[in-house]
Amino acid sequence: MTSERVRYWKAKIACQQPTKGLTYVRASEGIWRGIAPGVTAKVLSFDPVSRRITTLLRFAPGTSYAPHRHTAVEELFVLEVVAPLPVVR
């Protein structure tokens, strides 16, 4: 992960502190932020040691997201899909 990307995610989670064990995030907590046109994300947890991040994603109808790679573990949950997502291999 580039230092620019690390700064980006640290800014996103400034209001959230990593915890040991379970983390609970109420629907009313956290901030949905735009990360790309038509894509918003809410960070649920971030471990600065392992750099593991867990995020909820929302995609507007018709949104495409460019293929990309990660240098750290990223766990994403997509809660609803209006149309099938393309398979990227």
C-alpha atoms as a PDB file:
ATOM      1  CA  MET A   1       0.000   0.000   0.000  1.00  0.00           C
ATOM      2  CA  THR A   2       1.440   3.361  -0.968  1.00  0.00           C
ATOM      3  CA  SER A   3       2.009   6.015   1.687  1.00  0.00           C
ATOM      4  CA  GLU A   4      -0.615   8.174  -0.075  1.00  0.00           C
ATOM      5  CA  ARG A   5      -3.190   5.379   0.220  1.00  0.00           C
ATOM      6  CA  VAL A   6      -2.256   4.808   3.891  1.00  0.00           C
ATOM      7  CA  ARG A   7      -2.821   8.514   4.615  1.00  0.00           C
ATOM      8  CA  TYR A   8      -6.148   8.316   2.761  1.00  0.00           C
ATOM      9  CA  TRP A   9      -7.441   5.429   4.905  1.00  0.00           C
ATOM     10  CA  LYS A  10      -6.077   6.905   8.137  1.00  0.00           C
ATOM     11  CA  ALA A  11      -8.030  10.080   7.414  1.00  0.00           C
ATOM     12  CA  LYS A  12     -11.156   8.015   6.761  1.00  0.00           C
ATOM     13  CA  ILE A  13     -10.948   6.217  10.095  1.00  0.00           C
ATOM     14  CA  ALA A  14      -9.743   9.088  12.250  1.00  0.00           C
ATOM     15  CA  CYS A  15     -12.953   8.897  14.285  1.00  0.00           C
ATOM     16  CA  GLN A  16     -12.699   5.128  14.835  1.00  0.00           C
ATOM     17  CA  GLN A  17     -10.217   3.336  17.096  1.00  0.00           C
ATOM     18  CA  PRO A  18      -9.051  -0.253  16.498  1.00  0.00           C
ATOM     19  CA  THR A  19     -10.071  -2.639  19.284  1.00  0.00           C
ATOM     20  CA  LYS A  20      -9.209  -6.155  20.307  1.00  0.00           C
ATOM     21  CA  GLY A  21     -11.908  -8.752  19.942  1.00  0.00           C
ATOM     22  CA  LEU A  22     -15.251  -7.789  18.471  1.00  0.00           C
ATOM     23  CA  THR A  23     -16.163  -4.418  17.066  1.00  0.00           C
ATOM     24  CA  TYR A  24     -19.755  -3.196  16.898  1.00  0.00           C
ATOM     25  CA  VAL A  25     -20.780  -0.415  14.548  1.00  0.00           C
ATOM     26  CA  ARG A  26     -24.372   0.780  14.657  1.00  0.00           C
ATOM     27  CA  ALA A  27     -26.051   1.727  11.375  1.00  0.00           C
ATOM     28  CA  SER A  28     -26.143   5.346  12.543  1.00  0.00           C
ATOM     29  CA  GLU A  29     -22.416   5.375  13.364  1.00  0.00           C
ATOM     30  CA  GLY A  30     -19.535   6.010  11.027  1.00  0.00           C
ATOM     31  CA  ILE A  31     -19.436   8.083   7.891  1.00  0.00           C
ATOM     32  CA  TRP A  32     -20.184   7.051   4.323  1.00  0.00           C
ATOM     33  CA  ARG A  33     -17.534   8.618   2.093  1.00  0.00           C
ATOM     34  CA  GLY A  34     -17.201   8.713  -1.662  1.00  0.00           C
ATOM     35  CA  ILE A  35     -14.169   6.739  -2.836  1.00  0.00           C
ATOM     36  CA  ALA A  36     -14.921   6.760  -6.580  1.00  0.00           C
ATOM     37  CA  PRO A  37     -17.755   8.053  -8.782  1.00  0.00           C
ATOM     38  CA  GLY A  38     -20.867   6.129  -7.712  1.00  0.00           C
ATOM     39  CA  VAL A  39     -19.052   4.250  -4.905  1.00  0.00           C
ATOM     40  CA  THR A  40     -19.342   5.044  -1.191  1.00  0.00           C
ATOM     41  CA  ALA A  41     -17.641   3.235   1.691  1.00  0.00           C
ATOM     42  CA  LYS A  42     -18.000   3.027   5.466  1.00  0.00           C
ATOM     43  CA  VAL A  43     -14.995   1.714   7.383  1.00  0.00           C
ATOM     44  CA  LEU A  44     -16.017  -0.759  10.079  1.00  0.00           C
ATOM     45  CA  SER A  45     -12.566  -1.520  11.449  1.00  0.00           C
ATOM     46  CA  PHE A  46      -8.891  -0.952  10.725  1.00  0.00           C
ATOM     47  CA  ASP A  47      -5.863  -2.596  12.326  1.00  0.00           C
ATOM     48  CA  PRO A  48      -2.815  -0.346  11.834  1.00  0.00           C
ATOM     49  CA  VAL A  49      -0.406  -3.155  12.723  1.00  0.00           C
ATOM     50  CA  SER A  50      -1.612  -5.708  10.163  1.00  0.00           C
ATOM     51  CA  ARG A  51      -3.146  -2.970   7.960  1.00  0.00           C
ATOM     52  CA  ARG A  52      -6.284  -5.097   7.687  1.00  0.00           C
ATOM     53  CA  ILE A  53      -9.408  -3.101   6.917  1.00  0.00           C
ATOM     54  CA  THR A  54     -13.089  -4.061   6.876  1.00  0.00           C
ATOM     55  CA  THR A  55     -15.428  -1.849   4.849  1.00  0.00           C
ATOM     56  CA  LEU A  56     -19.040  -1.691   3.701  1.00  0.00           C
ATOM     57  CA  LEU A  57     -19.439  -0.620   0.063  1.00  0.00           C
ATOM     58  CA  ARG A  58     -22.379   0.898  -1.797  1.00  0.00           C
ATOM     59  CA  PHE A  59     -22.425   1.040  -5.594  1.00  0.00           C
ATOM     60  CA  ALA A  60     -24.890   3.260  -7.451  1.00  0.00           C
ATOM     61  CA  PRO A  61     -26.757   1.498 -10.295  1.00  0.00           C
ATOM     62  CA  GLY A  62     -24.584   1.260 -13.414  1.00  0.00           C
ATOM     63  CA  THR A  63     -21.366   1.975 -11.517  1.00  0.00           C
ATOM     64  CA  SER A  64     -18.153   0.300 -12.634  1.00  0.00           C
ATOM     65  CA  TYR A  65     -15.029   0.064 -10.540  1.00  0.00           C
ATOM     66  CA  ALA A  66     -11.638  -0.324 -12.193  1.00  0.00           C
ATOM     67  CA  PRO A  67      -9.717  -3.544 -11.482  1.00  0.00           C
ATOM     68  CA  HIS A  68      -6.915  -2.962  -9.002  1.00  0.00           C
ATOM     69  CA  ARG A  69      -4.607  -4.811  -6.600  1.00  0.00           C
ATOM     70  CA  HIS A  70      -4.056  -4.549  -2.869  1.00  0.00           C
ATOM     71  CA  THR A  71      -0.818  -4.940  -0.940  1.00  0.00           C
ATOM     72  CA  ALA A  72      -2.629  -5.513   2.355  1.00  0.00           C
ATOM     73  CA  VAL A  73      -5.712  -7.478   3.418  1.00  0.00           C
ATOM     74  CA  GLU A  74      -8.969  -5.725   2.593  1.00  0.00           C
ATOM     75  CA  GLU A  75     -12.312  -7.248   3.527  1.00  0.00           C
ATOM     76  CA  LEU A  76     -15.358  -5.744   1.826  1.00  0.00           C
ATOM     77  CA  PHE A  77     -19.055  -6.379   2.240  1.00  0.00           C
ATOM     78  CA  VAL A  78     -21.431  -5.497  -0.578  1.00  0.00           C
ATOM     79  CA  LEU A  79     -24.914  -5.461   0.933  1.00  0.00           C
ATOM     80  CA  GLU A  80     -27.095  -5.111  -2.147  1.00  0.00           C
ATOM     81  CA  VAL A  81     -26.632  -5.587  -5.878  1.00  0.00           C
ATOM     82  CA  VAL A  82     -29.219  -4.395  -8.386  1.00  0.00           C
ATOM     83  CA  ALA A  83     -27.575  -6.067 -11.371  1.00  0.00           C
ATOM     84  CA  PRO A  84     -25.006  -8.873 -11.609  1.00  0.00           C
ATOM     85  CA  LEU A  85     -21.431  -7.748 -11.089  1.00  0.00           C
ATOM     86  CA  PRO A  86     -18.929  -8.666 -13.812  1.00  0.00           C
ATOM     87  CA  VAL A  87     -16.375 -11.328 -12.920  1.00  0.00           C
ATOM     88  CA  VAL A  88     -12.797 -10.034 -13.152  1.00  0.00           C
ATOM     89  CA  ARG A  89     -10.117 -12.664 -13.477  1.00  0.00           C
END
